Every structure is written in C-alpha cells, then in structure tokens.
Amino acid sequence: MNLSSKSILIVDRGLYSFMAEFMARYFGSVYYHNPASASYPEAAVSIIGQGLKGVTWVEHEEDAIDKVDIIWYPDCMDGRHQVFLRSKGYKVAGSGHGERMELDKIFFLDQLEEAGLPIPKTYRAEGLDDVWEHVRDRGECYMKCADKYRSDWETTAHRNKHQTEIFLNSKRQIMGIKRASEIEILIQDPVRSACEIGIDGFRLNGKMATPVAIGYEIKDKGIIERIVPEIPKVLRPTLDALSPVYDKLGYQGAYSDENRITSGGKVYTIDETCRCGSPPSAVLCEMYGEAYAQAIWSLAHGEMPDLSGYEHEYGAEIVLDSKWHACEEIFIPVPKGLEQWLKLKNHVGKSGRYYCIPNDNDGIFGSIVAVGASMEEVTKLVMERVEQLEIFKLEYDRGLFDKAGEAIKEGARFGIFF
C-alpha cells in the first residue's frame, strides 16, 4: 500500500507520542488525539502531542475520525470503544477486547490454568489488611494489582516486612478507606529463572505475524532485540495454548509477552502486554521501518501483516530517566543527527524545541535507540548516542547490556540464539 496518500488518527494518552512522528515519515496525513479528561483538567497534559513535526494535533477524536483512513490505539484502556468503532465500519488497529489479558490479572491466570500452562503459586488478597497478614512473616514475593488501575499499584517486591509496612500504610492514605479495604492484590512466589525473554510484534486474533522480534529486557532500563524468522521452539507452546483465547477476544494490534525460563527449561508466561511494549516499541519501529507502518494499516483492515520487508535485524534501546521529570516539565535538547533515534514520550514542540510533560511516568521521558546488523554494532552505537545527550539530571543504566549478555548466553541453552 502506498501510505503517502493515506491518513491515520493516533489516539494515545502520551506514552506513544513518538509514534506520531514516526508514522509521519510514511503516511500522507497524521492526526494525534490525547483523550485527557478530568473534572479539573490540566492544560499541560491535555496539549501533549502539539507542535510535533508532520503531525496535526486534534482536541477531539470527532475532529478527525471521519477524515482518516484508519485509526490506531497503540495503548490499551480503550478496547470496548475500538470494538464499537469497528461495528460502525471504521478501520481500527488496536487490542480490542484482547486488552483484558493485560488489564485483568485474574482472568489472565485463569486462562493460563485452563490451557494447562504453569503459573507461579498465587494468593488472592482482598484488601491491604489481608496483604499484610499474608506477607509480613514470609520471604520474598511479588505483589500485583489484579485490576486495571495501575496508578494505584505497580508490581512491587516484598523482601522486608518493615519496609512493606511503610509501603502499605502509604497506600492506605492515598487510596482511601474503601479502595484500601477492597483492592485485590495477587501475591506470587518468585520464579527462579535462568533467563527472561519476550516475544514482540503484532497479533491478529489468535496468530502472531512473522518474522517476529524477540528481546531481552532489563526492567525499565532497556532492551536488546532481534528479528527472527520463526518463534523459538521453547516459546511456541504458550502462544499456541493461548491462541484460542485471543481468537475469541479479538485482537488487531501490537503485542508483547514476558516469559521466564527455569534452569530445567520450564516456561512461565508472567505477563501479557496488549499494546505497544515500552520497551521495545521505540526500537522495534526502526527495526521494521516502513513494514511497521504497513503492519498497522493491515491490522486496521483485519489482515495479517507482511513483515518480510523489515529493515534491520538487530536493535538496542536505552530507557531515559530524570528524577527532575518525575514532577516537572523537562527540556530536551536534541543533538544534530539524533532526531530519528531519540524517542520521546508525553512531549510537545514549541519553536522547534521539545519539552516532555510529567504524566505519571515516574521520570521516564523516552528512549534512545540504534539499529543494525549485529548485537555488537547496535549496543556500541546506542551507547555512543546516549553519551551525546545533555539533559537535566539524566539517568540511564550504563551496564545494562552486560546484564542482557548474561541472559543471552542462558537463552542459547534453550535454542534461543542472538
């Protein structure tokens, strides 16, 4: 498809504002809408996406919905609306009802169990008092919110009862009496894994598009990716077992998962990411190049993407963080030559300069990426690029690829080769 004569509306709350600029390289017209709404709306958050190169910002979805050829939701939380739009004849790419596999952890675990897949030992706590009673006298475990309200509770490790007590008391104050007494928290035993790997790409209902990307992530720090012709054999059974679930729910969008492989070769699927993963989407779009944009077009039309025209086999991404940005706007000077490789979140443009707006992202404001023909090439190049950045209180993990290298060696034991 010649996308230069086509138009796209991207509906996003800020995490994937960089995707609007990426799509502007291929689509003739790109519209961006941030559905920010509140009883007392914040102007700064509502203008995310304004001033981006090649992008038309629209305040309301209705301002563009009948002007464009396709609509894309790179994030989750709008699945029911996507399905409604499709029922009205609009061409929509997104996870649809499939987002439930990420947002409803109890439903997700039920699907794993029904499919005969392994799950960590899990206790379902009801309210923070129940959480405390279950964790205070035990060893390491992980506490996950069972529902979609991630701002209330991100996955948190329990290792010390004194720190956990402080944490829970803080949560009580923030949540209020009702939520604190009713929130469902899944308390899971740790999975001792030899390596942790994800499958990244695009899903159409029950099937993954190929070639597919596989990646080793250092949590919230970065990722190394490779595009491979087929899904590694050790990871295939999980995808096959969950295929009927996604086929029933419906799915037409970007997808990632998180798998932990034990030393004995047992695979635990820990989480489903029913949206553009963050990471690796910032680097994945550059690895696939135009094939990424074409994939979104195909998915919006209910067709399996053809990814054979991908441009680079390897990619590396470093997540960028600033403690200042956790609560404050930050200015992003972009060194010459890095415009394509610096992927910003929650950003606006003004007079050719970029600023990122704080938007519940704990100081993370974007990523720097590199693509190429080998792991060595991309990791060297991305480190050279990050060292050129002069951003206020910038933080990143300088040793993350050493950690990823250890996981890659372990993965080779199970037939996963980088």
Protein backbone atom coordinates (compact mmCIF):
# COMPACT_ATOMS: atom_id res chain seq x y z
CA MET A 1 0.00 0.00 0.00
CA ASN A 2 1.24 3.48 -0.87
CA LEU A 3 0.74 5.10 2.52
CA SER A 4 1.80 8.54 1.31
CA SER A 5 -1.74 9.08 0.06
CA LYS A 6 -3.34 7.70 3.25
CA SER A 7 -4.21 9.21 6.63
CA ILE A 8 -4.12 7.92 10.20
CA LEU A 9 -5.52 9.09 13.54
CA ILE A 10 -3.50 8.02 16.58
CA VAL A 11 -5.39 8.03 19.88
CA ASP A 12 -2.94 7.96 22.78
CA ARG A 13 -2.55 9.39 26.28
CA GLY A 14 1.06 10.40 25.75
CA LEU A 15 3.24 7.30 26.15
CA TYR A 16 3.49 6.85 22.38
CA SER A 17 3.61 10.43 21.13
CA PHE A 18 6.88 9.49 19.39
CA MET A 19 4.89 7.12 17.19
CA ALA A 20 3.06 10.05 15.63
CA GLU A 21 6.34 11.45 14.34
CA PHE A 22 7.43 8.02 13.16
CA MET A 23 4.19 7.49 11.22
CA ALA A 24 4.55 10.93 9.62
CA ARG A 25 7.51 9.52 7.65
CA TYR A 26 5.14 7.21 5.78
CA PHE A 27 1.53 8.45 5.96
CA GLY A 28 0.42 11.47 3.98
CA SER A 29 -1.51 12.83 6.98
CA VAL A 30 -1.11 12.01 10.67
CA TYR A 31 -3.53 13.21 13.34
CA TYR A 32 -2.87 12.82 17.06
CA HIS A 33 -5.50 12.92 19.80
CA ASN A 34 -4.87 12.71 23.54
CA PRO A 35 -8.17 11.95 25.32
CA ALA A 36 -7.13 13.78 28.50
CA SER A 37 -10.19 14.42 30.63
CA ALA A 38 -10.85 15.22 34.27
CA SER A 39 -13.19 17.30 36.40
CA TYR A 40 -10.36 19.83 36.64
CA PRO A 41 -8.28 19.18 33.52
CA GLU A 42 -4.60 20.07 33.39
CA ALA A 43 -3.70 22.16 30.37
CA ALA A 44 -0.12 20.85 30.28
CA VAL A 45 -1.22 17.22 29.99
CA SER A 46 -4.02 17.96 27.54
CA ILE A 47 -1.66 19.56 24.99
CA ILE A 48 0.69 16.57 24.73
CA GLY A 49 1.27 15.96 21.04
CA GLN A 50 1.07 19.59 19.96
CA GLY A 51 3.84 21.00 17.78
CA LEU A 52 5.23 17.67 16.59
CA LYS A 53 6.80 17.59 13.14
CA GLY A 54 4.41 16.37 10.44
CA VAL A 55 1.58 15.81 12.96
CA THR A 56 -1.78 17.54 13.27
CA TRP A 57 -2.99 17.66 16.88
CA VAL A 58 -6.76 17.44 17.39
CA GLU A 59 -8.54 18.22 20.63
CA HIS A 60 -11.42 15.83 19.98
CA GLU A 61 -11.47 12.44 18.30
CA GLU A 62 -14.51 13.61 16.31
CA ASP A 63 -12.39 16.33 14.70
CA ALA A 64 -10.56 13.72 12.61
CA ILE A 65 -12.37 10.40 12.81
CA ASP A 66 -14.26 10.87 9.55
CA LYS A 67 -11.28 12.41 7.75
CA VAL A 68 -8.87 9.49 8.10
CA ASP A 69 -8.45 6.09 6.51
CA ILE A 70 -7.51 4.26 9.72
CA ILE A 71 -7.46 4.80 13.50
CA TRP A 72 -4.74 3.36 15.73
CA TYR A 73 -4.70 2.86 19.50
CA PRO A 74 -1.08 1.99 20.45
CA ASP A 75 -2.03 1.73 24.14
CA CYS A 76 -4.73 -0.25 25.96
CA MET A 77 -7.70 1.01 28.06
CA ASP A 78 -9.96 1.75 25.06
CA GLY A 79 -10.76 -1.77 23.88
CA ARG A 80 -14.55 -1.51 24.13
CA HIS A 81 -14.50 1.76 22.18
CA GLN A 82 -12.34 0.18 19.48
CA VAL A 83 -14.83 -2.67 19.07
CA PHE A 84 -17.69 -0.14 18.91
CA LEU A 85 -15.94 1.84 16.17
CA ARG A 86 -15.31 -1.33 14.17
CA SER A 87 -19.01 -2.18 14.43
CA LYS A 88 -19.71 1.19 12.80
CA GLY A 89 -17.40 0.46 9.89
CA TYR A 90 -14.26 2.30 10.99
CA LYS A 91 -10.89 0.66 10.31
CA VAL A 92 -9.22 0.37 13.70
CA ALA A 93 -5.91 -1.14 14.82
CA GLY A 94 -5.66 -2.00 18.50
CA SER A 95 -6.02 -4.75 21.05
CA GLY A 96 -9.83 -4.51 21.35
CA HIS A 97 -11.30 -6.89 23.92
CA GLY A 98 -7.93 -8.67 23.91
CA GLU A 99 -6.65 -6.00 26.29
CA ARG A 100 -8.37 -7.94 29.07
CA MET A 101 -5.40 -10.34 29.12
CA GLU A 102 -3.23 -7.47 30.40
CA LEU A 103 -5.71 -5.50 32.46
CA ASP A 104 -7.49 -8.33 34.30
CA LYS A 105 -4.78 -10.41 36.01
CA ILE A 106 -7.25 -12.90 37.50
CA PHE A 107 -8.74 -13.56 34.07
CA PHE A 108 -5.22 -13.96 32.65
CA LEU A 109 -4.23 -16.53 35.29
CA ASP A 110 -7.50 -18.39 34.72
CA GLN A 111 -6.67 -18.66 31.01
CA LEU A 112 -3.19 -19.99 31.77
CA GLU A 113 -4.64 -22.57 34.14
CA GLU A 114 -7.35 -23.68 31.70
CA ALA A 115 -4.73 -24.05 28.98
CA GLY A 116 -2.62 -26.27 31.24
CA LEU A 117 0.23 -23.77 31.45
CA PRO A 118 2.33 -23.31 34.59
CA ILE A 119 1.64 -20.36 36.89
CA PRO A 120 3.51 -19.20 39.99
CA LYS A 121 1.93 -20.08 43.32
CA THR A 122 -0.53 -17.23 43.85
CA TYR A 123 -2.60 -15.95 46.77
CA ARG A 124 -5.51 -13.59 46.06
CA ALA A 125 -5.62 -10.98 48.83
CA GLU A 126 -8.70 -8.83 49.37
CA GLY A 127 -7.75 -5.50 50.88
CA LEU A 128 -4.48 -4.22 52.32
CA ASP A 129 -5.05 -5.80 55.74
CA ASP A 130 -5.17 -9.21 54.04
CA VAL A 131 -2.00 -8.37 52.11
CA TRP A 132 -0.19 -7.55 55.33
CA GLU A 133 -1.37 -10.69 57.11
CA HIS A 134 -0.12 -12.81 54.21
CA VAL A 135 3.31 -11.23 53.63
CA ARG A 136 4.60 -9.96 56.96
CA ASP A 137 6.13 -13.24 58.14
CA ARG A 138 7.19 -14.70 54.83
CA GLY A 139 10.13 -14.36 52.49
CA GLU A 140 10.42 -12.75 49.07
CA CYS A 141 7.28 -12.49 46.98
CA TYR A 142 5.70 -10.16 44.45
CA MET A 143 2.51 -8.14 44.91
CA LYS A 144 0.47 -7.29 41.79
CA CYS A 145 -2.74 -5.34 41.40
CA ALA A 146 -5.42 -7.63 39.97
CA ASP A 147 -7.29 -4.92 38.06
CA LYS A 148 -6.56 -2.19 35.55
CA TYR A 149 -5.85 0.71 37.93
CA ARG A 150 -2.08 0.64 37.58
CA SER A 151 -1.67 4.09 39.09
CA ASP A 152 -2.92 2.65 42.39
CA TRP A 153 -0.36 -0.14 42.47
CA GLU A 154 2.55 -1.19 40.29
CA THR A 155 4.07 -4.64 40.79
CA THR A 156 6.12 -4.43 44.00
CA ALA A 157 8.54 -6.86 45.62
CA HIS A 158 8.20 -7.80 49.29
CA ARG A 159 11.55 -8.59 50.86
CA ASN A 160 11.43 -6.84 54.23
CA LYS A 161 8.32 -6.59 56.41
CA HIS A 162 9.34 -3.26 57.92
CA GLN A 163 9.59 -1.57 54.51
CA THR A 164 6.42 -3.28 53.29
CA GLU A 165 4.57 -1.99 56.37
CA ILE A 166 5.56 1.58 55.49
CA PHE A 167 4.58 0.98 51.86
CA LEU A 168 1.14 -0.35 52.77
CA ASN A 169 0.47 2.50 55.20
CA SER A 170 1.30 4.99 52.47
CA LYS A 171 -1.05 3.21 50.05
CA ARG A 172 -3.87 3.39 52.61
CA GLN A 173 -3.56 7.15 52.77
CA ILE A 174 -3.51 7.55 49.00
CA MET A 175 -6.32 5.09 48.19
CA GLY A 176 -8.78 5.96 50.92
CA ILE A 177 -10.73 3.62 53.17
CA LYS A 178 -12.98 1.96 50.57
CA ARG A 179 -10.36 1.16 47.96
CA ALA A 180 -7.82 0.06 50.58
CA SER A 181 -10.31 -2.43 52.02
CA GLU A 182 -11.44 -3.81 48.65
CA ILE A 183 -8.43 -3.77 46.33
CA GLU A 184 -7.44 -7.24 45.13
CA ILE A 185 -3.72 -7.94 45.20
CA LEU A 186 -2.14 -11.10 43.78
CA ILE A 187 0.77 -12.29 45.90
CA GLN A 188 3.03 -14.57 43.90
CA ASP A 189 6.04 -16.71 44.71
CA PRO A 190 9.12 -15.70 42.70
CA VAL A 191 10.02 -17.75 39.63
CA ARG A 192 13.74 -18.53 39.73
CA SER A 193 14.64 -18.26 36.07
CA ALA A 194 17.75 -18.83 34.02
CA CYS A 195 16.67 -16.12 31.60
CA GLU A 196 13.75 -13.83 30.85
CA ILE A 197 12.69 -13.19 27.26
CA GLY A 198 9.80 -11.58 25.43
CA ILE A 199 8.12 -12.06 22.07
CA ASP A 200 7.39 -8.71 20.42
CA GLY A 201 5.45 -7.86 17.31
CA PHE A 202 1.88 -7.92 16.03
CA ARG A 203 -1.05 -10.19 16.70
CA LEU A 204 -4.12 -10.73 14.54
CA ASN A 205 -6.66 -12.57 16.68
CA GLY A 206 -5.03 -15.90 17.61
CA LYS A 207 -1.92 -15.64 15.44
CA MET A 208 1.36 -13.75 15.51
CA ALA A 209 2.75 -12.07 12.41
CA THR A 210 6.19 -13.27 11.30
CA PRO A 211 9.07 -12.65 11.16
CA VAL A 212 8.81 -11.80 14.84
CA ALA A 213 11.11 -9.99 17.27
CA ILE A 214 12.49 -11.49 20.47
CA GLY A 215 14.06 -9.40 23.18
CA TYR A 216 15.91 -9.47 26.47
CA GLU A 217 14.76 -6.60 28.70
CA ILE A 218 16.45 -5.17 31.75
CA LYS A 219 13.32 -3.98 33.58
CA ASP A 220 12.64 -0.28 32.91
CA LYS A 221 16.27 0.20 31.81
CA GLY A 222 16.49 -1.02 28.22
CA ILE A 223 16.31 -3.93 25.83
CA ILE A 224 18.19 -5.78 23.08
CA GLU A 225 16.08 -7.12 20.18
CA ARG A 226 16.50 -9.43 17.21
CA ILE A 227 14.07 -10.21 14.40
CA VAL A 228 13.90 -13.95 13.72
CA PRO A 229 12.04 -15.94 11.02
CA GLU A 230 10.06 -18.06 13.47
CA ILE A 231 9.11 -18.04 17.13
CA PRO A 232 11.70 -20.07 19.11
CA LYS A 233 10.51 -23.63 19.71
CA VAL A 234 10.69 -23.35 23.51
CA LEU A 235 8.25 -20.41 23.47
CA ARG A 236 5.82 -21.85 20.92
CA PRO A 237 3.63 -23.96 23.27
CA THR A 238 2.47 -20.96 25.29
CA LEU A 239 1.48 -18.97 22.22
CA ASP A 240 -0.33 -21.97 20.76
CA ALA A 241 -2.17 -22.63 24.03
CA LEU A 242 -3.39 -19.03 24.31
CA SER A 243 -4.25 -18.69 20.63
CA PRO A 244 -7.94 -19.71 21.08
CA VAL A 245 -8.33 -17.11 23.85
CA TYR A 246 -7.16 -14.25 21.66
CA ASP A 247 -9.11 -15.60 18.72
CA LYS A 248 -12.28 -15.39 20.80
CA LEU A 249 -11.50 -11.98 22.29
CA GLY A 250 -10.35 -10.48 19.00
CA TYR A 251 -7.04 -8.68 18.55
CA GLN A 252 -5.66 -6.40 15.82
CA GLY A 253 -2.61 -4.68 17.21
CA ALA A 254 0.88 -4.61 18.68
CA TYR A 255 1.66 -7.27 21.27
CA SER A 256 4.41 -8.44 23.61
CA ASP A 257 4.74 -11.04 26.32
CA GLU A 258 7.14 -11.78 29.18
CA ASN A 259 8.47 -15.29 29.72
CA ARG A 260 10.77 -16.71 32.37
CA ILE A 261 12.57 -19.95 31.62
CA THR A 262 13.81 -22.00 34.56
CA SER A 263 17.13 -23.85 34.54
CA GLY A 264 15.16 -27.00 33.76
CA GLY A 265 13.55 -25.45 30.66
CA LYS A 266 10.09 -24.80 32.12
CA VAL A 267 8.48 -21.67 30.67
CA TYR A 268 6.35 -19.36 32.80
CA THR A 269 4.44 -16.62 30.98
CA ILE A 270 4.41 -13.85 33.59
CA ASP A 271 2.62 -11.03 31.80
CA GLU A 272 0.89 -10.13 28.56
CA THR A 273 1.41 -6.66 27.07
CA CYS A 274 -1.65 -5.94 24.95
CA ARG A 275 -0.34 -2.71 23.44
CA CYS A 276 2.97 -1.36 22.19
CA GLY A 277 5.50 -2.58 24.74
CA SER A 278 7.60 0.09 26.44
CA PRO A 279 10.28 -1.01 25.73
CA PRO A 280 10.70 -2.25 22.94
CA SER A 281 8.39 -0.30 20.61
CA ALA A 282 10.75 2.66 20.35
CA VAL A 283 13.40 0.49 18.72
CA LEU A 284 11.08 -2.01 17.07
CA CYS A 285 9.53 0.62 14.80
CA GLU A 286 13.01 1.48 13.47
CA MET A 287 13.95 -2.18 13.00
CA TYR A 288 10.85 -2.87 10.91
CA GLY A 289 10.87 0.59 9.28
CA GLU A 290 8.10 1.06 6.74
CA ALA A 291 6.95 -2.51 7.38
CA TYR A 292 5.84 -1.31 10.84
CA ALA A 293 3.59 1.36 9.36
CA GLN A 294 2.29 -1.11 6.79
CA ALA A 295 1.53 -3.56 9.62
CA ILE A 296 -0.72 -1.03 11.35
CA TRP A 297 -2.53 -0.45 8.06
CA SER A 298 -3.05 -4.20 7.57
CA LEU A 299 -4.25 -4.79 11.14
CA ALA A 300 -6.77 -1.95 10.89
CA HIS A 301 -8.24 -3.78 7.89
CA GLY A 302 -8.26 -7.15 9.69
CA GLU A 303 -5.41 -8.53 7.57
CA MET A 304 -2.26 -10.35 8.68
CA PRO A 305 0.78 -8.04 8.28
CA ASP A 306 3.62 -8.98 5.95
CA LEU A 307 6.80 -8.16 7.87
CA SER A 308 9.27 -9.71 5.44
CA GLY A 309 10.43 -6.25 4.37
CA TYR A 310 11.92 -5.38 7.76
CA GLU A 311 15.00 -3.16 7.52
CA HIS A 312 17.32 -4.17 10.39
CA GLU A 313 17.84 -7.48 12.16
CA TYR A 314 19.09 -6.07 15.49
CA GLY A 315 18.11 -3.20 17.71
CA ALA A 316 19.04 -1.75 21.11
CA GLU A 317 17.10 0.67 23.30
CA ILE A 318 18.14 2.57 26.42
CA VAL A 319 15.36 3.97 28.61
CA LEU A 320 15.98 7.59 29.66
CA ASP A 321 15.07 8.83 33.12
CA SER A 322 15.32 12.07 35.09
CA LYS A 323 14.38 12.48 38.74
CA TRP A 324 13.52 16.09 37.92
CA HIS A 325 10.97 14.99 35.36
CA ALA A 326 9.01 12.89 37.88
CA CYS A 327 7.14 16.07 38.80
CA GLU A 328 8.40 18.77 36.42
CA GLU A 329 8.46 19.59 32.73
CA ILE A 330 11.84 18.93 31.14
CA PHE A 331 13.56 20.47 28.13
CA ILE A 332 15.04 18.01 25.65
CA PRO A 333 17.91 19.34 23.55
CA VAL A 334 18.29 17.06 20.53
CA PRO A 335 21.85 16.72 19.17
CA LYS A 336 22.15 17.02 15.41
CA GLY A 337 21.87 13.62 13.76
CA LEU A 338 19.92 12.03 16.62
CA GLU A 339 16.45 13.30 15.69
CA GLN A 340 15.37 9.92 14.34
CA TRP A 341 16.84 7.92 17.22
CA LEU A 342 15.54 9.87 20.22
CA LYS A 343 12.02 8.66 21.02
CA LEU A 344 10.17 10.95 23.41
CA LYS A 345 7.05 10.35 25.49
CA ASN A 346 4.46 12.90 26.56
CA HIS A 347 6.15 15.58 24.50
CA VAL A 348 5.23 18.85 22.85
CA GLY A 349 7.06 21.01 20.35
CA LYS A 350 7.49 24.78 20.60
CA SER A 351 9.55 26.87 18.16
CA GLY A 352 11.48 23.78 17.10
CA ARG A 353 12.29 22.75 20.68
CA TYR A 354 10.92 19.73 22.56
CA TYR A 355 9.59 19.53 26.10
CA CYS A 356 8.26 16.48 27.96
CA ILE A 357 5.29 16.88 30.29
CA PRO A 358 5.16 14.90 33.57
CA ASN A 359 2.36 12.36 33.12
CA ASP A 360 2.52 9.58 35.72
CA ASN A 361 5.65 8.05 34.24
CA ASP A 362 7.99 8.29 37.26
CA GLY A 363 10.62 10.38 35.50
CA ILE A 364 10.94 8.27 32.34
CA PHE A 365 10.71 10.60 29.35
CA GLY A 366 11.80 8.46 26.42
CA SER A 367 14.44 6.23 24.89
CA ILE A 368 17.47 6.40 22.65
CA VAL A 369 17.75 3.60 20.07
CA ALA A 370 20.07 2.09 17.50
CA VAL A 371 19.55 -0.49 14.75
CA GLY A 372 21.97 -2.54 12.69
CA ALA A 373 23.24 -5.92 11.55
CA SER A 374 24.67 -7.30 14.80
CA MET A 375 24.27 -7.14 18.55
CA GLU A 376 27.75 -5.70 18.93
CA GLU A 377 27.04 -2.93 16.41
CA VAL A 378 23.78 -1.74 17.96
CA THR A 379 24.91 -1.85 21.59
CA LYS A 380 28.06 0.13 20.77
CA LEU A 381 26.14 2.65 18.68
CA VAL A 382 23.36 3.25 21.20
CA MET A 383 25.91 3.86 23.98
CA GLU A 384 27.68 6.40 21.77
CA ARG A 385 24.37 8.13 21.18
CA VAL A 386 23.26 8.27 24.81
CA GLU A 387 26.59 9.84 25.76
CA GLN A 388 25.80 12.77 23.45
CA LEU A 389 22.67 13.69 25.39
CA GLU A 390 22.82 16.68 27.74
CA ILE A 391 19.52 16.52 29.58
CA PHE A 392 18.92 17.81 33.11
CA LYS A 393 19.53 15.09 35.73
CA LEU A 394 19.59 12.39 33.03
CA GLU A 395 19.90 8.84 34.31
CA TYR A 396 20.39 5.54 32.49
CA ASP A 397 21.94 2.15 33.18
CA ARG A 398 25.45 2.08 31.73
CA GLY A 399 25.85 -1.65 32.33
CA LEU A 400 22.52 -2.87 31.06
CA PHE A 401 23.88 -4.67 28.01
CA ASP A 402 26.32 -6.62 30.17
CA LYS A 403 23.29 -7.89 32.09
CA ALA A 404 21.47 -8.65 28.84
CA GLY A 405 24.54 -10.51 27.58
CA GLU A 406 24.34 -12.89 30.51
CA ALA A 407 20.69 -13.64 29.71
CA ILE A 408 21.53 -14.19 26.03
CA LYS A 409 24.09 -16.86 26.96
CA GLU A 410 21.50 -18.64 29.08
CA GLY A 411 18.88 -18.37 26.31
CA ALA A 412 21.17 -20.22 23.90
CA ARG A 413 20.80 -23.29 26.13
CA PHE A 414 17.14 -23.39 25.16
CA GLY A 415 17.59 -22.82 21.43
CA ILE A 416 17.17 -19.03 21.51
CA PHE A 417 20.03 -17.56 19.52
CA PHE A 418 21.07 -13.92 19.15
